[in-house]
Protein backbone atom coordinates (compact mmCIF):
# COMPACT_ATOMS: atom_id res chain seq x y z
CA MET A 1 134.76 118.07 62.81
CA ARG A 2 131.08 118.74 62.07
CA LEU A 3 130.06 115.37 63.55
CA PHE A 4 132.15 116.03 66.65
CA LEU A 5 130.48 119.40 67.17
CA LEU A 6 126.99 117.92 66.74
CA VAL A 7 127.71 115.12 69.22
CA PHE A 8 129.16 117.60 71.71
CA LEU A 9 126.13 119.86 71.31
CA THR A 10 123.84 116.89 71.96
CA MET A 11 125.70 115.93 75.16
CA VAL A 12 125.51 119.54 76.33
CA ALA A 13 121.74 119.47 75.73
CA PHE A 14 121.38 116.32 77.83
CA ALA A 15 123.45 117.78 80.67
CA ALA A 16 121.51 121.06 80.43
CA ASN A 17 118.35 119.26 81.55
CA SER A 18 119.95 118.80 84.97
CA ILE A 19 121.10 122.43 85.13
CA LEU A 20 117.71 123.82 84.07
CA SER A 21 115.82 121.57 86.47
CA ARG A 22 118.03 122.43 89.41
CA LEU A 23 117.91 126.13 88.56
CA ALA A 24 114.10 126.16 88.40
CA ILE A 25 113.23 123.71 91.16
CA GLY A 26 116.12 124.24 93.56
CA GLY A 27 115.82 127.97 93.06
CA GLY A 28 112.15 127.93 94.05
CA HIS A 29 110.94 129.26 90.69
CA MET A 30 108.63 126.29 90.10
CA GLU A 31 107.32 123.33 92.06
CA ALA A 32 108.93 120.04 90.98
CA THR A 33 105.98 118.11 89.53
CA SER A 34 104.57 121.18 87.77
CA PHE A 35 107.98 121.71 86.20
CA GLY A 36 108.05 118.07 85.12
CA LEU A 37 104.58 118.31 83.61
CA LEU A 38 105.37 121.43 81.63
CA ARG A 39 108.69 119.96 80.54
CA VAL A 40 107.15 116.77 79.17
CA LEU A 41 104.23 118.68 77.62
CA SER A 42 106.47 121.17 75.79
CA GLY A 43 108.69 118.28 74.71
CA ALA A 44 105.64 116.49 73.32
CA VAL A 45 104.56 119.56 71.34
CA THR A 46 108.06 119.92 69.88
CA LEU A 47 108.43 116.25 68.99
CA VAL A 48 104.94 116.02 67.46
CA GLY A 49 105.77 119.08 65.39
CA LEU A 50 109.01 117.48 64.19
CA CYS A 51 107.10 114.32 63.25
CA ALA A 52 104.57 116.39 61.30
CA LEU A 53 107.36 118.16 59.41
CA SER A 54 108.99 114.79 58.68
CA GLY A 55 105.74 113.13 57.62
CA LEU A 56 105.98 110.46 60.34
CA SER A 57 102.82 108.68 61.45
CA LEU A 58 101.96 108.92 65.14
CA ARG A 59 99.87 105.75 65.24
CA ARG A 60 101.39 103.45 67.87
CA ASP A 61 100.48 100.26 69.73
CA ARG A 62 98.41 101.30 72.78
CA ARG A 63 99.98 98.81 75.15
CA GLN A 64 103.51 99.83 74.23
CA THR A 65 102.54 103.47 74.53
CA PHE A 66 101.08 102.95 78.01
CA TRP A 67 104.13 101.19 79.41
CA GLY A 68 106.50 103.60 77.69
CA ALA A 69 104.62 106.61 79.05
CA ALA A 70 104.46 105.06 82.54
CA ALA A 71 108.22 104.52 82.57
CA LEU A 72 108.80 108.03 81.24
CA THR A 73 106.54 109.47 83.95
CA THR A 74 108.48 107.58 86.63
CA TYR A 75 111.67 109.14 85.29
CA ILE A 76 110.24 112.66 85.13
CA VAL A 77 108.69 112.55 88.62
CA GLY A 78 111.77 111.05 90.31
CA PHE A 79 114.15 113.34 88.41
CA SER A 80 112.16 116.50 89.13
CA ILE A 81 111.44 115.96 92.83
CA ALA A 82 115.04 114.86 93.49
CA TYR A 83 116.29 118.21 92.22
CA GLU A 84 114.61 119.95 95.11
CA ASP A 85 117.63 118.85 97.18
CA LEU A 86 120.37 117.47 94.89
CA ASP A 87 123.04 119.49 93.12
CA ALA A 88 122.79 119.31 89.34
CA GLY A 89 126.06 117.43 88.84
CA LEU A 90 125.44 114.94 91.63
CA GLY A 91 121.93 114.27 90.37
CA ALA A 92 123.18 113.66 86.82
CA LEU A 93 125.83 111.29 88.12
CA ILE A 94 123.34 109.23 90.14
CA LEU A 95 120.87 109.17 87.25
CA PHE A 96 123.51 108.26 84.69
CA GLY A 97 125.08 105.58 86.88
CA VAL A 98 121.79 103.89 87.75
CA VAL A 99 120.60 103.91 84.13
CA GLN A 100 123.78 102.37 82.74
CA VAL A 101 124.36 99.80 85.49
CA SER A 102 120.73 98.68 85.64
CA MET A 103 120.57 98.25 81.86
CA PHE A 104 123.78 96.26 81.90
CA LEU A 105 122.43 94.00 84.66
CA TRP A 106 119.16 93.56 82.77
CA GLY A 107 121.06 92.56 79.65
CA ALA A 108 123.13 90.08 81.66
CA LEU A 109 120.01 88.54 83.21
CA ARG A 110 118.48 88.23 79.75
CA GLY A 111 121.46 86.21 78.54
CA SER A 112 123.65 88.83 76.85
CA PRO A 113 127.34 87.81 76.75
CA VAL A 114 129.13 89.06 79.88
CA ALA A 115 132.90 89.27 80.16
CA PRO A 116 134.71 89.30 83.53
CA GLY A 117 135.84 92.86 82.82
CA GLN A 118 132.23 93.94 82.45
CA VAL A 119 131.28 92.47 85.81
CA ALA A 120 134.25 94.23 87.38
CA GLY A 121 133.28 97.49 85.67
CA ALA A 122 129.70 97.30 86.95
CA ALA A 123 131.00 96.64 90.48
CA ILE A 124 133.33 99.65 90.27
CA ALA A 125 130.47 101.87 89.09
CA LEU A 126 128.22 100.70 91.95
CA VAL A 127 131.00 101.41 94.46
CA GLY A 128 131.38 104.88 92.93
CA LEU A 129 127.65 105.54 93.30
CA ALA A 130 127.82 104.47 96.94
CA ALA A 131 130.82 106.74 97.47
CA VAL A 132 129.06 109.91 96.33
CA VAL A 133 126.20 109.46 98.84
CA TRP A 134 128.11 107.80 101.70
CA PRO A 135 128.04 109.80 104.98
CA THR A 136 131.27 111.50 106.02
CA ASP A 137 131.74 112.04 109.76
CA GLY A 138 128.08 111.15 110.23
CA VAL A 139 126.92 113.79 107.75
CA PRO A 140 125.26 112.48 104.56
CA ALA A 141 127.10 113.54 101.41
CA ALA A 142 123.73 113.75 99.68
CA PRO A 143 120.14 113.62 100.98
CA LEU A 144 119.18 109.95 101.04
CA GLY A 145 115.57 110.54 100.05
CA ALA A 146 116.50 112.70 97.07
CA SER A 147 119.19 110.22 96.02
CA CYS A 148 116.65 107.38 96.11
CA LEU A 149 114.21 109.44 94.05
CA MET A 150 116.89 110.13 91.44
CA ALA A 151 117.75 106.43 91.43
CA LEU A 152 114.04 105.70 90.87
CA GLY A 153 114.12 108.17 87.99
CA GLY A 154 117.13 106.30 86.62
CA LEU A 155 115.25 103.01 86.79
CA GLY A 156 112.31 104.65 85.01
CA TRP A 157 114.55 105.94 82.22
CA ALA A 158 116.29 102.57 81.93
CA GLY A 159 112.92 100.86 81.62
CA TYR A 160 111.78 103.42 79.07
CA SER A 161 114.95 102.86 77.07
CA LEU A 162 114.58 99.08 77.14
CA LEU A 163 110.96 99.33 76.04
CA GLY A 164 111.96 101.53 73.12
CA ARG A 165 114.85 99.43 71.81
CA GLY A 166 112.77 97.88 69.05
CA ALA A 167 111.00 101.04 67.93
CA LYS A 168 111.01 101.27 64.15
CA ALA A 169 110.40 105.02 64.24
CA PRO A 170 112.04 106.18 67.51
CA LEU A 171 111.22 109.86 66.99
CA ALA A 172 107.51 109.15 66.50
CA ALA A 173 107.47 106.68 69.40
CA THR A 174 109.12 109.24 71.66
CA ALA A 175 106.63 111.92 70.59
CA VAL A 176 103.65 109.70 71.42
CA ASN A 177 105.18 108.59 74.72
CA PHE A 178 105.79 112.20 75.72
CA ALA A 179 102.21 113.10 74.83
CA ALA A 180 100.81 110.17 76.83
CA ALA A 181 103.13 110.94 79.76
CA SER A 182 101.71 114.48 79.81
CA VAL A 183 98.31 112.98 80.62
CA ILE A 184 99.67 110.56 83.23
CA MET A 185 101.64 113.38 84.87
CA VAL A 186 98.47 115.28 85.82
CA PRO A 187 97.55 112.94 88.73
CA ALA A 188 101.21 112.99 89.81
CA VAL A 189 101.05 116.77 90.12
CA LEU A 190 97.88 116.51 92.21
CA ILE A 191 99.32 113.77 94.44
CA PHE A 192 102.94 114.87 94.89
CA GLY A 193 102.69 118.59 94.21
CA ALA A 194 102.25 120.09 97.67
CA ASP A 195 102.26 123.85 97.27
CA ILE A 196 102.07 124.65 93.56
CA VAL A 197 104.61 127.35 92.72
CA ILE A 198 104.72 128.70 89.17
CA SER A 199 106.70 131.79 88.22
CA PRO A 200 107.32 133.25 84.74
CA TRP A 201 111.02 132.38 84.98
CA GLY A 202 110.20 128.83 86.05
CA VAL A 203 107.85 128.44 83.07
CA VAL A 204 110.58 129.64 80.71
CA LEU A 205 113.09 127.17 82.16
CA ALA A 206 110.59 124.28 81.91
CA ILE A 207 109.74 125.07 78.29
CA VAL A 208 113.42 125.37 77.33
CA SER A 209 114.13 122.05 79.07
CA GLY A 210 111.21 120.32 77.34
CA ALA A 211 111.22 121.87 73.88
CA VAL A 212 114.93 122.53 73.35
CA THR A 213 117.22 120.36 75.47
CA SER A 214 114.81 117.40 75.49
CA GLY A 215 112.78 117.61 72.26
CA LEU A 216 115.38 119.10 69.91
CA GLY A 217 118.19 117.38 71.81
CA TYR A 218 116.66 113.96 71.16
CA ALA A 219 116.02 114.84 67.51
CA LEU A 220 119.67 115.84 67.07
CA TRP A 221 120.78 112.62 68.77
CA TYR A 222 118.72 110.56 66.33
CA HIS A 223 120.39 112.49 63.50
CA VAL A 224 123.97 111.72 64.58
CA LEU A 225 123.45 108.15 65.86
CA PRO A 226 123.61 106.46 62.42
CA GLN A 227 127.06 107.99 61.96
CA LEU A 228 128.43 106.51 65.20
CA ALA A 229 129.48 102.97 66.01
CA PRO A 230 127.38 101.55 68.90
CA ALA A 231 130.36 101.39 71.28
CA VAL A 232 131.26 105.00 70.45
CA ALA A 233 127.65 106.13 70.95
CA ALA A 234 127.63 104.44 74.35
CA THR A 235 131.01 105.75 75.46
CA VAL A 236 130.46 109.36 74.42
CA GLN A 237 127.54 109.59 76.84
CA LEU A 238 130.06 109.30 79.68
CA SER A 239 130.60 113.02 79.14
CA VAL A 240 127.07 113.97 80.25
CA PRO A 241 127.55 113.90 84.05
CA VAL A 242 131.00 115.48 83.68
CA ILE A 243 129.50 118.40 81.75
CA ALA A 244 126.70 118.67 84.32
CA ILE A 245 129.16 118.72 87.24
CA LEU A 246 131.32 121.42 85.61
CA ALA A 247 128.31 123.47 84.50
CA GLY A 248 126.79 123.18 87.96
CA ALA A 249 129.96 124.66 89.44
CA VAL A 250 130.09 127.51 86.92
CA VAL A 251 126.39 128.35 86.55
CA LEU A 252 125.00 127.41 89.96
CA GLY A 253 128.09 127.79 92.14
CA GLU A 254 127.97 124.15 93.24
CA VAL A 255 131.02 122.79 95.05
CA ILE A 256 133.02 119.98 93.46
CA GLY A 257 134.31 118.21 96.54
CA LEU A 258 136.84 115.41 96.81
CA GLN A 259 134.16 112.81 97.56
CA LEU A 260 132.16 113.73 94.45
CA THR A 261 135.31 113.75 92.33
CA ILE A 262 136.42 110.30 93.47
CA GLY A 263 132.93 108.86 93.14
CA ALA A 264 132.46 110.37 89.68
CA ILE A 265 135.77 108.97 88.45
CA ALA A 266 134.83 105.52 89.77
CA VAL A 267 131.37 105.59 88.18
CA LEU A 268 132.60 106.77 84.79
CA ALA A 269 135.59 104.44 84.78
CA GLY A 270 133.42 101.47 85.73
CA ILE A 271 130.88 102.18 83.00
CA ALA A 272 133.66 102.73 80.46
CA ILE A 273 135.03 99.28 81.34
CA VAL A 274 131.55 97.75 80.94
CA VAL A 275 131.08 99.37 77.54
CA LEU A 276 134.51 98.70 76.10
CA SER A 277 135.48 95.29 77.50
CA GLY A 278 134.52 91.85 76.33
CA PRO A 279 133.15 90.40 73.08
CA GLY A 280 129.61 91.53 73.89
CA ARG A 281 130.48 95.18 74.47
CA ARG A 282 128.01 96.43 71.87
CA ARG A 283 125.06 94.64 73.40
CA ALA A 284 125.83 94.06 77.06
CA ALA A 285 126.23 97.76 77.70
CA GLY A 286 122.49 97.90 77.08
CA ILE A 287 122.44 101.47 75.82
CA PRO A 288 119.89 101.92 73.06
CA ALA A 289 119.72 104.71 70.57
CA GLY A 290 118.69 108.11 71.85
CA LYS A 291 117.68 107.11 75.33
CA GLU A 292 119.52 109.50 77.59
CA GLY A 293 118.13 111.98 80.17
């Protein structure tokens, strides 16, 4: 029961990042890139503090740190700007779907065993993603530009996750990557941040997102991962967009329409098939430890 509660709390923390971002950015309390910068900076402070308390060394390979931080920055920028226009649940679904499908495809291209059911599952998930943004009666279900930015964020997070698969000390590696991404984010704020808007409430939301639901959320995930089988760890993350969709409806008053419902079911079902089918289900799913948005 204790493990179940910890895993559930972790998934809630991951989903909360979407709610907090949409609340701050969509609500006009903070400009997107400034929110992203403060989020990653507060996350870095929290993670570095956790490493200090745990006695973990922060010395990392510079090349790995650069590429990891660049991928993380791509995720943060795409994720944050997309939430200017996307609902929290829809954004989480696009992010989640792109991350999982792209990592599966990367694993397949790299020679991981692929079962027919996994190919079918990936196809179903891609169709589901198309369904949630497909125009109805000529009206886009979701802003195309924002959807593409969230997809870019998903690719960034997938790349970050793949780069971190071999990390011997994932908590320390994540702390250093967050710190380096804080530096890289500064030019992004200057380039993409049009009118800088910073309110006290927006700052609070960014710090909670960075320090609590990102920093502490990742630390808790690292704590429970050794107690979960890889397939279980992969499958349980299917709950993240569902929690975000439901929380978006309750907290933000977002509408759960039929198109979103059908698309979400298709995406989650497709990814579940990818994860659970075939002899290579533990590897071909391509979901490394602790790499969720």
